[in-house]
Amino acid sequence: MHPKWVDLLERMKRLGVYNTNLLTPRRLSSQFFAGRTVVYPRAHKFVFADGPIKGHIARRKTDDEFWQEISQIYVDEDLRGNGIIRAMTFELIARTPAVIQLFGITSVRTVMSVFEECQMGAVTKATMPDVEAWAERLGIRDRLPDSALSQDPPQPCDKERWLFVR
């Protein structure tokens, strides 16, 4: 296991916002080698830049082979506000096979804005009446944000969890 994955994992865990059951060096590495991850500074297969991985975003598989989650979005604090999340998200989407549909769940306004730029719409029952059945099919029913169950039109707010679908 490359030590960069162990280092990245430790920094992500310190934030306390990631599902630690899904975060292991092996999972981070396997997503990367499967082509479902973008890191900063850029890396390709076995070639990493000097120093730590300072940014990370991944596509995580679901129970439905045609849906994947944009997840594990991370940028070191000293680089936030430099457009790295935006660039990594756009690159990840560009690398996604056309048959794969994407969604993301976030409570971070910056990430919400990036999702909106990527043509991802916030979801409530007003926009997706079958959101609960959809989430069940994907195996994410237990992680569905309360906002997705609202009958009101979407109005994403910072620090409130929202589902975005593309």
C-alpha atoms as a PDB file:
ATOM      1  CA  MET A   1       0.000   0.000   0.000  1.00  0.00           C
ATOM      2  CA  HIS A   2       1.400   3.366  -0.992  1.00  0.00           C
ATOM      3  CA  PRO A   3       2.009   5.545   2.106  1.00  0.00           C
ATOM      4  CA  LYS A   4       0.275   8.506   0.406  1.00  0.00           C
ATOM      5  CA  TRP A   5      -3.101   6.740   0.853  1.00  0.00           C
ATOM      6  CA  VAL A   6      -2.448   6.177   4.559  1.00  0.00           C
ATOM      7  CA  ASP A   7      -1.457   9.847   4.974  1.00  0.00           C
ATOM      8  CA  LEU A   8      -4.515  11.096   3.039  1.00  0.00           C
ATOM      9  CA  LEU A   9      -6.811   8.852   5.046  1.00  0.00           C
ATOM     10  CA  GLU A  10      -5.470  10.184   8.356  1.00  0.00           C
ATOM     11  CA  ARG A  11      -5.995  13.801   7.265  1.00  0.00           C
ATOM     12  CA  MET A  12      -9.530  13.037   6.048  1.00  0.00           C
ATOM     13  CA  LYS A  13     -10.401  11.219   9.283  1.00  0.00           C
ATOM     14  CA  ARG A  14      -9.247  14.186  11.383  1.00  0.00           C
ATOM     15  CA  LEU A  15     -12.034  16.276   9.845  1.00  0.00           C
ATOM     16  CA  GLY A  16     -14.618  13.859  11.265  1.00  0.00           C
ATOM     17  CA  VAL A  17     -17.054  14.258   8.348  1.00  0.00           C
ATOM     18  CA  TYR A  18     -16.357  11.126   6.321  1.00  0.00           C
ATOM     19  CA  ASN A  19     -17.877   7.670   6.720  1.00  0.00           C
ATOM     20  CA  THR A  20     -14.855   5.907   8.198  1.00  0.00           C
ATOM     21  CA  ASN A  21     -16.322   2.494   7.288  1.00  0.00           C
ATOM     22  CA  LEU A  22     -15.886   3.431   3.620  1.00  0.00           C
ATOM     23  CA  LEU A  23     -12.443   4.951   4.076  1.00  0.00           C
ATOM     24  CA  THR A  24      -9.493   2.608   4.099  1.00  0.00           C
ATOM     25  CA  PRO A  25      -6.162   2.961   2.298  1.00  0.00           C
ATOM     26  CA  ARG A  26      -7.081  -0.100   0.203  1.00  0.00           C
ATOM     27  CA  ARG A  27     -10.433   1.382  -0.884  1.00  0.00           C
ATOM     28  CA  LEU A  28      -8.853   4.746  -1.713  1.00  0.00           C
ATOM     29  CA  SER A  29      -6.183   2.975  -3.736  1.00  0.00           C
ATOM     30  CA  SER A  30      -8.559   0.618  -5.547  1.00  0.00           C
ATOM     31  CA  GLN A  31     -10.869   3.501  -6.559  1.00  0.00           C
ATOM     32  CA  PHE A  32      -7.832   5.333  -7.898  1.00  0.00           C
ATOM     33  CA  PHE A  33      -6.529   2.398  -9.928  1.00  0.00           C
ATOM     34  CA  ALA A  34     -10.048   1.723 -11.264  1.00  0.00           C
ATOM     35  CA  GLY A  35     -10.072   5.270 -12.668  1.00  0.00           C
ATOM     36  CA  ARG A  36     -12.814   6.511 -10.334  1.00  0.00           C
ATOM     37  CA  THR A  37     -10.670   9.079  -8.495  1.00  0.00           C
ATOM     38  CA  VAL A  38      -9.092  12.430  -9.252  1.00  0.00           C
ATOM     39  CA  VAL A  39      -6.333  13.631  -6.928  1.00  0.00           C
ATOM     40  CA  TYR A  40      -4.417  16.881  -6.538  1.00  0.00           C
ATOM     41  CA  PRO A  41      -1.638  17.240  -7.425  1.00  0.00           C
ATOM     42  CA  ARG A  42      -2.486  15.109 -10.431  1.00  0.00           C
ATOM     43  CA  ALA A  43      -1.288  11.536 -10.485  1.00  0.00           C
ATOM     44  CA  HIS A  44      -1.457   8.769 -13.055  1.00  0.00           C
ATOM     45  CA  LYS A  45      -1.437   5.102 -12.047  1.00  0.00           C
ATOM     46  CA  PHE A  46       1.972   4.644 -10.410  1.00  0.00           C
ATOM     47  CA  VAL A  47       3.346   8.180 -10.748  1.00  0.00           C
ATOM     48  CA  PHE A  48       2.657  10.575  -7.883  1.00  0.00           C
ATOM     49  CA  ALA A  49       3.941  14.120  -7.470  1.00  0.00           C
ATOM     50  CA  ASP A  50       6.289  14.827  -4.589  1.00  0.00           C
ATOM     51  CA  GLY A  51       4.598  15.486  -1.271  1.00  0.00           C
ATOM     52  CA  PRO A  52       1.173  14.461   0.014  1.00  0.00           C
ATOM     53  CA  ILE A  53      -2.086  14.135  -1.883  1.00  0.00           C
ATOM     54  CA  LYS A  54      -3.741  17.475  -1.086  1.00  0.00           C
ATOM     55  CA  GLY A  55      -7.033  16.961  -2.905  1.00  0.00           C
ATOM     56  CA  HIS A  56      -9.247  13.958  -3.574  1.00  0.00           C
ATOM     57  CA  ILE A  57     -12.632  13.207  -5.146  1.00  0.00           C
ATOM     58  CA  ALA A  58     -14.069   9.814  -6.094  1.00  0.00           C
ATOM     59  CA  ARG A  59     -16.946   8.065  -7.802  1.00  0.00           C
ATOM     60  CA  ARG A  60     -18.281   5.432  -5.438  1.00  0.00           C
ATOM     61  CA  LYS A  61     -20.240   2.468  -6.777  1.00  0.00           C
ATOM     62  CA  THR A  62     -23.806   1.807  -5.617  1.00  0.00           C
ATOM     63  CA  ASP A  63     -26.103  -1.222  -5.736  1.00  0.00           C
ATOM     64  CA  ASP A  64     -27.308  -0.023  -9.163  1.00  0.00           C
ATOM     65  CA  GLU A  65     -24.592  -0.472 -11.780  1.00  0.00           C
ATOM     66  CA  PHE A  66     -25.727   2.643 -13.671  1.00  0.00           C
ATOM     67  CA  TRP A  67     -25.504   5.060 -10.718  1.00  0.00           C
ATOM     68  CA  GLN A  68     -22.381   6.242  -8.868  1.00  0.00           C
ATOM     69  CA  GLU A  69     -21.923   8.777  -6.098  1.00  0.00           C
ATOM     70  CA  ILE A  70     -19.519  11.697  -6.271  1.00  0.00           C
ATOM     71  CA  SER A  71     -18.025  11.398  -2.802  1.00  0.00           C
ATOM     72  CA  GLN A  72     -14.988  11.697  -0.557  1.00  0.00           C
ATOM     73  CA  ILE A  73     -14.423  15.301  -1.648  1.00  0.00           C
ATOM     74  CA  TYR A  74     -11.375  16.617   0.160  1.00  0.00           C
ATOM     75  CA  VAL A  75      -8.975  19.553  -0.240  1.00  0.00           C
ATOM     76  CA  ASP A  76      -6.331  20.507   2.316  1.00  0.00           C
ATOM     77  CA  GLU A  77      -7.332  23.601   4.251  1.00  0.00           C
ATOM     78  CA  ASP A  78      -4.395  25.664   2.918  1.00  0.00           C
ATOM     79  CA  LEU A  79      -5.640  25.174  -0.679  1.00  0.00           C
ATOM     80  CA  ARG A  80      -9.349  25.813  -0.195  1.00  0.00           C
ATOM     81  CA  GLY A  81     -10.806  28.643  -2.242  1.00  0.00           C
ATOM     82  CA  ASN A  82      -8.457  28.041  -5.186  1.00  0.00           C
ATOM     83  CA  GLY A  83     -10.970  26.270  -7.466  1.00  0.00           C
ATOM     84  CA  ILE A  84      -9.443  22.837  -6.874  1.00  0.00           C
ATOM     85  CA  ILE A  85     -12.760  21.197  -5.942  1.00  0.00           C
ATOM     86  CA  ARG A  86     -14.328  22.615  -9.099  1.00  0.00           C
ATOM     87  CA  ALA A  87     -11.469  21.437 -11.335  1.00  0.00           C
ATOM     88  CA  MET A  88     -11.392  17.954  -9.793  1.00  0.00           C
ATOM     89  CA  THR A  89     -15.192  17.591 -10.054  1.00  0.00           C
ATOM     90  CA  PHE A  90     -15.255  18.641 -13.701  1.00  0.00           C
ATOM     91  CA  GLU A  91     -12.399  16.226 -14.476  1.00  0.00           C
ATOM     92  CA  LEU A  92     -14.132  13.379 -12.628  1.00  0.00           C
ATOM     93  CA  ILE A  93     -17.359  13.977 -14.561  1.00  0.00           C
ATOM     94  CA  ALA A  94     -15.463  14.180 -17.868  1.00  0.00           C
ATOM     95  CA  ARG A  95     -13.884  10.778 -17.111  1.00  0.00           C
ATOM     96  CA  THR A  96     -17.224   9.169 -16.230  1.00  0.00           C
ATOM     97  CA  PRO A  97     -18.552   6.719 -18.823  1.00  0.00           C
ATOM     98  CA  ALA A  98     -21.709   8.008 -20.557  1.00  0.00           C
ATOM     99  CA  VAL A  99     -23.823   5.114 -19.194  1.00  0.00           C
ATOM    100  CA  ILE A 100     -23.139   6.150 -15.581  1.00  0.00           C
ATOM    101  CA  GLN A 101     -25.417   8.653 -13.892  1.00  0.00           C
ATOM    102  CA  LEU A 102     -24.104  10.663 -10.961  1.00  0.00           C
ATOM    103  CA  PHE A 103     -25.385  12.013  -7.684  1.00  0.00           C
ATOM    104  CA  GLY A 104     -23.828  13.618  -4.627  1.00  0.00           C
ATOM    105  CA  ILE A 105     -24.843  14.365  -1.055  1.00  0.00           C
ATOM    106  CA  THR A 106     -23.315  17.370   0.666  1.00  0.00           C
ATOM    107  CA  SER A 107     -23.837  19.997   3.345  1.00  0.00           C
ATOM    108  CA  VAL A 108     -21.020  22.250   2.069  1.00  0.00           C
ATOM    109  CA  ARG A 109     -22.192  25.308   0.125  1.00  0.00           C
ATOM    110  CA  THR A 110     -19.031  25.380  -2.033  1.00  0.00           C
ATOM    111  CA  VAL A 111     -19.653  21.796  -3.153  1.00  0.00           C
ATOM    112  CA  MET A 112     -23.339  22.588  -3.776  1.00  0.00           C
ATOM    113  CA  SER A 113     -22.292  25.440  -6.072  1.00  0.00           C
ATOM    114  CA  VAL A 114     -19.902  23.167  -7.969  1.00  0.00           C
ATOM    115  CA  PHE A 115     -22.626  20.516  -8.329  1.00  0.00           C
ATOM    116  CA  GLU A 116     -24.985  23.163  -9.701  1.00  0.00           C
ATOM    117  CA  GLU A 117     -22.310  24.284 -12.198  1.00  0.00           C
ATOM    118  CA  CYS A 118     -22.067  20.640 -13.314  1.00  0.00           C
ATOM    119  CA  GLN A 119     -25.783  20.553 -14.160  1.00  0.00           C
ATOM    120  CA  MET A 120     -26.693  18.641 -11.015  1.00  0.00           C
ATOM    121  CA  GLY A 121     -30.039  19.588  -9.506  1.00  0.00           C
ATOM    122  CA  ALA A 122     -31.029  19.564  -5.848  1.00  0.00           C
ATOM    123  CA  VAL A 123     -33.722  16.974  -5.122  1.00  0.00           C
ATOM    124  CA  THR A 124     -36.880  16.978  -3.050  1.00  0.00           C
ATOM    125  CA  LYS A 125     -40.081  14.971  -3.496  1.00  0.00           C
ATOM    126  CA  ALA A 126     -41.326  17.932  -5.533  1.00  0.00           C
ATOM    127  CA  THR A 127     -38.660  17.197  -8.182  1.00  0.00           C
ATOM    128  CA  MET A 128     -38.337  13.408  -7.719  1.00  0.00           C
ATOM    129  CA  PRO A 129     -41.508  11.940  -6.189  1.00  0.00           C
ATOM    130  CA  ASP A 130     -40.005   8.428  -6.099  1.00  0.00           C
ATOM    131  CA  VAL A 131     -36.788   9.512  -4.340  1.00  0.00           C
ATOM    132  CA  GLU A 132     -37.194   6.928  -1.561  1.00  0.00           C
ATOM    133  CA  ALA A 133     -37.612   4.009  -3.994  1.00  0.00           C
ATOM    134  CA  TRP A 134     -34.671   5.339  -6.035  1.00  0.00           C
ATOM    135  CA  ALA A 135     -32.482   5.553  -2.915  1.00  0.00           C
ATOM    136  CA  GLU A 136     -33.517   2.022  -1.878  1.00  0.00           C
ATOM    137  CA  ARG A 137     -32.531   0.678  -5.318  1.00  0.00           C
ATOM    138  CA  LEU A 138     -29.091   2.321  -4.986  1.00  0.00           C
ATOM    139  CA  GLY A 139     -28.571   1.099  -1.409  1.00  0.00           C
ATOM    140  CA  ILE A 140     -28.385   4.607   0.056  1.00  0.00           C
ATOM    141  CA  ARG A 141     -31.810   4.831   1.717  1.00  0.00           C
ATOM    142  CA  ASP A 142     -30.246   5.119   5.181  1.00  0.00           C
ATOM    143  CA  ARG A 143     -28.114   8.094   4.005  1.00  0.00           C
ATOM    144  CA  LEU A 144     -30.866  10.009   2.214  1.00  0.00           C
ATOM    145  CA  PRO A 145     -30.943  13.608   3.497  1.00  0.00           C
ATOM    146  CA  ASP A 146     -34.127  14.855   5.174  1.00  0.00           C
ATOM    147  CA  SER A 147     -34.222  17.656   2.588  1.00  0.00           C
ATOM    148  CA  ALA A 148     -34.829  15.059  -0.155  1.00  0.00           C
ATOM    149  CA  LEU A 149     -38.013  13.968   1.622  1.00  0.00           C
ATOM    150  CA  SER A 150     -39.506  17.467   1.662  1.00  0.00           C
ATOM    151  CA  GLN A 151     -42.551  18.228  -0.500  1.00  0.00           C
ATOM    152  CA  ASP A 152     -41.259  21.772  -1.075  1.00  0.00           C
ATOM    153  CA  PRO A 153     -39.199  22.906  -4.083  1.00  0.00           C
ATOM    154  CA  PRO A 154     -35.425  22.626  -3.463  1.00  0.00           C
ATOM    155  CA  GLN A 155     -33.697  25.527  -1.720  1.00  0.00           C
ATOM    156  CA  PRO A 156     -30.236  24.243  -0.699  1.00  0.00           C
ATOM    157  CA  CYS A 157     -28.721  25.873   2.380  1.00  0.00           C
ATOM    158  CA  ASP A 158     -25.199  25.707   3.770  1.00  0.00           C
ATOM    159  CA  LYS A 159     -24.713  23.167   6.582  1.00  0.00           C
ATOM    160  CA  GLU A 160     -27.924  21.360   5.594  1.00  0.00           C
ATOM    161  CA  ARG A 161     -27.515  17.996   3.788  1.00  0.00           C
ATOM    162  CA  TRP A 162     -28.789  17.961   0.202  1.00  0.00           C
ATOM    163  CA  LEU A 163     -29.005  15.369  -2.548  1.00  0.00           C
ATOM    164  CA  PHE A 164     -27.946  16.506  -6.036  1.00  0.00           C
ATOM    165  CA  VAL A 165     -28.606  14.404  -9.141  1.00  0.00           C
ATOM    166  CA  ARG A 166     -27.244  14.718 -12.672  1.00  0.00           C
END
